[in-house]
Amino acid sequence: MNTTNWLSRLLAIGAILEIGAGLGLLVAPLPLASLLLGASLSDAGLVVARIAGGALLGLGIACWFARSTPDDRVGLGVAGALLAYNVVACVTLALAQLDPGSRTLRLSAAVLHGLLAAGLVVALLLRDGRRGAHLNR
């Protein structure tokens, strides 16, 4: 598979996951936080969760539109933003797993974010390698 198709598919996967998570945090932040983190949200946590839901919804929408032109500057910018988010989410959820709390989906979510981040790194590096080889001809 060429890197353009690979990056396009990763952006589509990111779009679906982040739109779903964003809508979940906007509509039902309390059950989602309980399921993922094994903890309830305070009043301030509820506000932050809904703001995060809006941000994830926005990231997901940007990924959805960027998937059709992943090699353009805008598409690469969205891919970079999705990569940054997934690295932060992976590390944050993995560190939260160190807390010996109740069994939750933190580790699974950390692994999912890590896999998506790794896929994005590979796709972006292969794309840059291909571009560099093309320029050296």
C-alpha atoms as a PDB file:
ATOM      1  CA  MET A   1       0.000   0.000   0.000  1.00  0.00           C
ATOM      2  CA  ASN A   2       1.369   3.418  -0.811  1.00  0.00           C
ATOM      3  CA  THR A   3       1.892   5.950   1.945  1.00  0.00           C
ATOM      4  CA  THR A   4      -0.832   8.299   0.683  1.00  0.00           C
ATOM      5  CA  ASN A   5      -3.460   5.562   1.037  1.00  0.00           C
ATOM      6  CA  TRP A   6      -2.022   4.494   4.405  1.00  0.00           C
ATOM      7  CA  LEU A   7      -2.137   8.057   5.765  1.00  0.00           C
ATOM      8  CA  SER A   8      -5.637   8.542   4.356  1.00  0.00           C
ATOM      9  CA  ARG A   9      -6.856   5.399   6.132  1.00  0.00           C
ATOM     10  CA  LEU A  10      -5.233   6.415   9.407  1.00  0.00           C
ATOM     11  CA  LEU A  11      -6.916   9.817   9.186  1.00  0.00           C
ATOM     12  CA  ALA A  12     -10.265   8.106   8.532  1.00  0.00           C
ATOM     13  CA  ILE A  13      -9.770   5.794  11.533  1.00  0.00           C
ATOM     14  CA  GLY A  14      -8.788   8.793  13.663  1.00  0.00           C
ATOM     15  CA  ALA A  15     -11.853  10.681  12.458  1.00  0.00           C
ATOM     16  CA  ILE A  16     -14.244   7.896  13.404  1.00  0.00           C
ATOM     17  CA  LEU A  17     -12.643   7.320  16.812  1.00  0.00           C
ATOM     18  CA  GLU A  18     -12.353  10.989  17.756  1.00  0.00           C
ATOM     19  CA  ILE A  19     -15.821  11.965  16.548  1.00  0.00           C
ATOM     20  CA  GLY A  20     -17.230   9.072  18.579  1.00  0.00           C
ATOM     21  CA  ALA A  21     -15.222   9.970  21.678  1.00  0.00           C
ATOM     22  CA  GLY A  22     -16.037  13.665  21.276  1.00  0.00           C
ATOM     23  CA  LEU A  23     -19.765  13.032  20.995  1.00  0.00           C
ATOM     24  CA  GLY A  24     -19.576  10.651  23.955  1.00  0.00           C
ATOM     25  CA  LEU A  25     -17.914  13.282  26.120  1.00  0.00           C
ATOM     26  CA  LEU A  26     -20.419  15.923  25.048  1.00  0.00           C
ATOM     27  CA  VAL A  27     -23.535  13.801  25.554  1.00  0.00           C
ATOM     28  CA  ALA A  28     -22.624  11.430  28.400  1.00  0.00           C
ATOM     29  CA  PRO A  29     -19.349  12.457  30.063  1.00  0.00           C
ATOM     30  CA  LEU A  30     -20.127  10.845  33.430  1.00  0.00           C
ATOM     31  CA  PRO A  31     -20.627   7.238  32.230  1.00  0.00           C
ATOM     32  CA  LEU A  32     -17.751   7.537  29.752  1.00  0.00           C
ATOM     33  CA  ALA A  33     -15.338   8.786  32.422  1.00  0.00           C
ATOM     34  CA  SER A  34     -16.484   6.062  34.777  1.00  0.00           C
ATOM     35  CA  LEU A  35     -15.982   3.390  32.108  1.00  0.00           C
ATOM     36  CA  LEU A  36     -12.590   4.637  30.926  1.00  0.00           C
ATOM     37  CA  LEU A  37     -11.080   5.978  34.138  1.00  0.00           C
ATOM     38  CA  GLY A  38     -12.977   4.142  36.836  1.00  0.00           C
ATOM     39  CA  ALA A  39     -13.760   7.435  38.563  1.00  0.00           C
ATOM     40  CA  SER A  40     -16.513  10.002  38.646  1.00  0.00           C
ATOM     41  CA  LEU A  41     -16.166  13.600  37.536  1.00  0.00           C
ATOM     42  CA  SER A  42     -16.468  16.653  39.767  1.00  0.00           C
ATOM     43  CA  ASP A  43     -18.329  19.736  38.589  1.00  0.00           C
ATOM     44  CA  ALA A  44     -15.125  21.201  37.130  1.00  0.00           C
ATOM     45  CA  GLY A  45     -14.228  17.825  35.603  1.00  0.00           C
ATOM     46  CA  LEU A  46     -17.592  17.724  33.864  1.00  0.00           C
ATOM     47  CA  VAL A  47     -16.944  21.108  32.242  1.00  0.00           C
ATOM     48  CA  VAL A  48     -13.426  20.081  31.181  1.00  0.00           C
ATOM     49  CA  ALA A  49     -14.737  16.771  29.811  1.00  0.00           C
ATOM     50  CA  ARG A  50     -17.302  18.553  27.659  1.00  0.00           C
ATOM     51  CA  ILE A  51     -14.706  21.023  26.380  1.00  0.00           C
ATOM     52  CA  ALA A  52     -12.417  18.078  25.572  1.00  0.00           C
ATOM     53  CA  GLY A  53     -15.357  16.453  23.804  1.00  0.00           C
ATOM     54  CA  GLY A  54     -15.772  19.530  21.633  1.00  0.00           C
ATOM     55  CA  ALA A  55     -12.043  19.540  20.864  1.00  0.00           C
ATOM     56  CA  LEU A  56     -12.092  15.847  19.923  1.00  0.00           C
ATOM     57  CA  LEU A  57     -15.147  16.399  17.754  1.00  0.00           C
ATOM     58  CA  GLY A  58     -13.282  19.215  15.977  1.00  0.00           C
ATOM     59  CA  LEU A  59     -10.159  17.059  15.532  1.00  0.00           C
ATOM     60  CA  GLY A  60     -12.287  14.221  14.187  1.00  0.00           C
ATOM     61  CA  ILE A  61     -14.025  16.478  11.670  1.00  0.00           C
ATOM     62  CA  ALA A  62     -10.650  17.861  10.518  1.00  0.00           C
ATOM     63  CA  CYS A  63      -9.337  14.294  10.107  1.00  0.00           C
ATOM     64  CA  TRP A  64     -12.413  13.311   8.098  1.00  0.00           C
ATOM     65  CA  PHE A  65     -11.900  16.114   5.591  1.00  0.00           C
ATOM     66  CA  ALA A  66      -8.088  15.770   5.505  1.00  0.00           C
ATOM     67  CA  ARG A  67      -8.306  12.088   4.563  1.00  0.00           C
ATOM     68  CA  SER A  68      -9.095  13.000   0.948  1.00  0.00           C
ATOM     69  CA  THR A  69      -5.875  15.038   0.551  1.00  0.00           C
ATOM     70  CA  PRO A  70      -3.415  13.612   3.102  1.00  0.00           C
ATOM     71  CA  ASP A  71      -0.302  14.747   1.198  1.00  0.00           C
ATOM     72  CA  ASP A  72      -1.325  18.420   1.110  1.00  0.00           C
ATOM     73  CA  ARG A  73       0.078  20.768   3.740  1.00  0.00           C
ATOM     74  CA  VAL A  74      -3.273  20.940   5.500  1.00  0.00           C
ATOM     75  CA  GLY A  75      -3.629  17.148   5.495  1.00  0.00           C
ATOM     76  CA  LEU A  76      -0.121  16.780   6.900  1.00  0.00           C
ATOM     77  CA  GLY A  77      -0.902  19.406   9.536  1.00  0.00           C
ATOM     78  CA  VAL A  78      -4.000  17.498  10.624  1.00  0.00           C
ATOM     79  CA  ALA A  79      -2.000  14.244  10.663  1.00  0.00           C
ATOM     80  CA  GLY A  80       0.595  15.968  12.860  1.00  0.00           C
ATOM     81  CA  ALA A  81      -2.110  17.218  15.222  1.00  0.00           C
ATOM     82  CA  LEU A  82      -3.632  13.728  15.414  1.00  0.00           C
ATOM     83  CA  LEU A  83      -0.163  12.292  16.110  1.00  0.00           C
ATOM     84  CA  ALA A  84       0.469  14.801  18.920  1.00  0.00           C
ATOM     85  CA  TYR A  85      -2.916  14.060  20.484  1.00  0.00           C
ATOM     86  CA  ASN A  86      -2.405  10.297  20.320  1.00  0.00           C
ATOM     87  CA  VAL A  87       1.064  10.478  21.884  1.00  0.00           C
ATOM     88  CA  VAL A  88      -0.253  12.607  24.759  1.00  0.00           C
ATOM     89  CA  ALA A  89      -3.297  10.353  25.235  1.00  0.00           C
ATOM     90  CA  CYS A  90      -1.178   7.183  25.141  1.00  0.00           C
ATOM     91  CA  VAL A  91       1.339   8.447  27.706  1.00  0.00           C
ATOM     92  CA  THR A  92      -1.331   9.966  29.966  1.00  0.00           C
ATOM     93  CA  LEU A  93      -3.461   6.807  29.978  1.00  0.00           C
ATOM     94  CA  ALA A  94      -0.417   4.565  30.460  1.00  0.00           C
ATOM     95  CA  LEU A  95       0.729   6.627  33.442  1.00  0.00           C
ATOM     96  CA  ALA A  96      -2.801   6.543  34.875  1.00  0.00           C
ATOM     97  CA  GLN A  97      -2.631   2.746  34.649  1.00  0.00           C
ATOM     98  CA  LEU A  98       0.167   2.821  37.244  1.00  0.00           C
ATOM     99  CA  ASP A  99      -2.421   3.922  39.814  1.00  0.00           C
ATOM    100  CA  PRO A 100      -3.684   0.711  41.388  1.00  0.00           C
ATOM    101  CA  GLY A 101      -7.354   1.668  41.058  1.00  0.00           C
ATOM    102  CA  SER A 102     -10.233  -0.329  39.739  1.00  0.00           C
ATOM    103  CA  ARG A 103     -10.032  -2.295  36.500  1.00  0.00           C
ATOM    104  CA  THR A 104     -10.849   0.000  33.610  1.00  0.00           C
ATOM    105  CA  LEU A 105     -10.228   0.340  29.900  1.00  0.00           C
ATOM    106  CA  ARG A 106      -7.234   2.661  30.434  1.00  0.00           C
ATOM    107  CA  LEU A 107      -4.638   0.168  29.227  1.00  0.00           C
ATOM    108  CA  SER A 108      -6.673  -0.793  26.156  1.00  0.00           C
ATOM    109  CA  ALA A 109      -7.207   2.871  25.308  1.00  0.00           C
ATOM    110  CA  ALA A 110      -3.493   3.589  25.837  1.00  0.00           C
ATOM    111  CA  VAL A 111      -2.569   0.747  23.484  1.00  0.00           C
ATOM    112  CA  LEU A 112      -5.083   1.938  20.865  1.00  0.00           C
ATOM    113  CA  HIS A 113      -3.690   5.479  20.994  1.00  0.00           C
ATOM    114  CA  GLY A 114      -0.146   4.115  20.853  1.00  0.00           C
ATOM    115  CA  LEU A 115      -0.898   1.989  17.791  1.00  0.00           C
ATOM    116  CA  LEU A 116      -2.487   4.901  15.971  1.00  0.00           C
ATOM    117  CA  ALA A 117       0.477   7.136  16.875  1.00  0.00           C
ATOM    118  CA  ALA A 118       2.950   4.495  15.669  1.00  0.00           C
ATOM    119  CA  GLY A 119       1.044   4.099  12.404  1.00  0.00           C
ATOM    120  CA  LEU A 120       1.079   7.854  11.859  1.00  0.00           C
ATOM    121  CA  VAL A 121       4.826   8.068  12.571  1.00  0.00           C
ATOM    122  CA  VAL A 122       5.541   5.280  10.083  1.00  0.00           C
ATOM    123  CA  ALA A 123       3.299   6.788   7.404  1.00  0.00           C
ATOM    124  CA  LEU A 124       4.817  10.250   7.840  1.00  0.00           C
ATOM    125  CA  LEU A 125       8.398   8.944   7.858  1.00  0.00           C
ATOM    126  CA  LEU A 126       7.809   6.794   4.776  1.00  0.00           C
ATOM    127  CA  ARG A 127       6.208   9.757   3.052  1.00  0.00           C
ATOM    128  CA  ASP A 128       9.195  11.971   3.879  1.00  0.00           C
ATOM    129  CA  GLY A 129      11.609   9.251   2.746  1.00  0.00           C
ATOM    130  CA  ARG A 130       9.742   8.850  -0.531  1.00  0.00           C
ATOM    131  CA  ARG A 131       9.703  12.618  -1.040  1.00  0.00           C
ATOM    132  CA  GLY A 132      13.437  12.851  -0.302  1.00  0.00           C
ATOM    133  CA  ALA A 133      14.220  10.050  -2.755  1.00  0.00           C
ATOM    134  CA  HIS A 134      12.138  11.800  -5.379  1.00  0.00           C
ATOM    135  CA  LEU A 135      14.005  15.077  -4.864  1.00  0.00           C
ATOM    136  CA  ASN A 136      17.428  13.390  -5.152  1.00  0.00           C
ATOM    137  CA  ARG A 137      16.772  12.100  -8.682  1.00  0.00           C
END
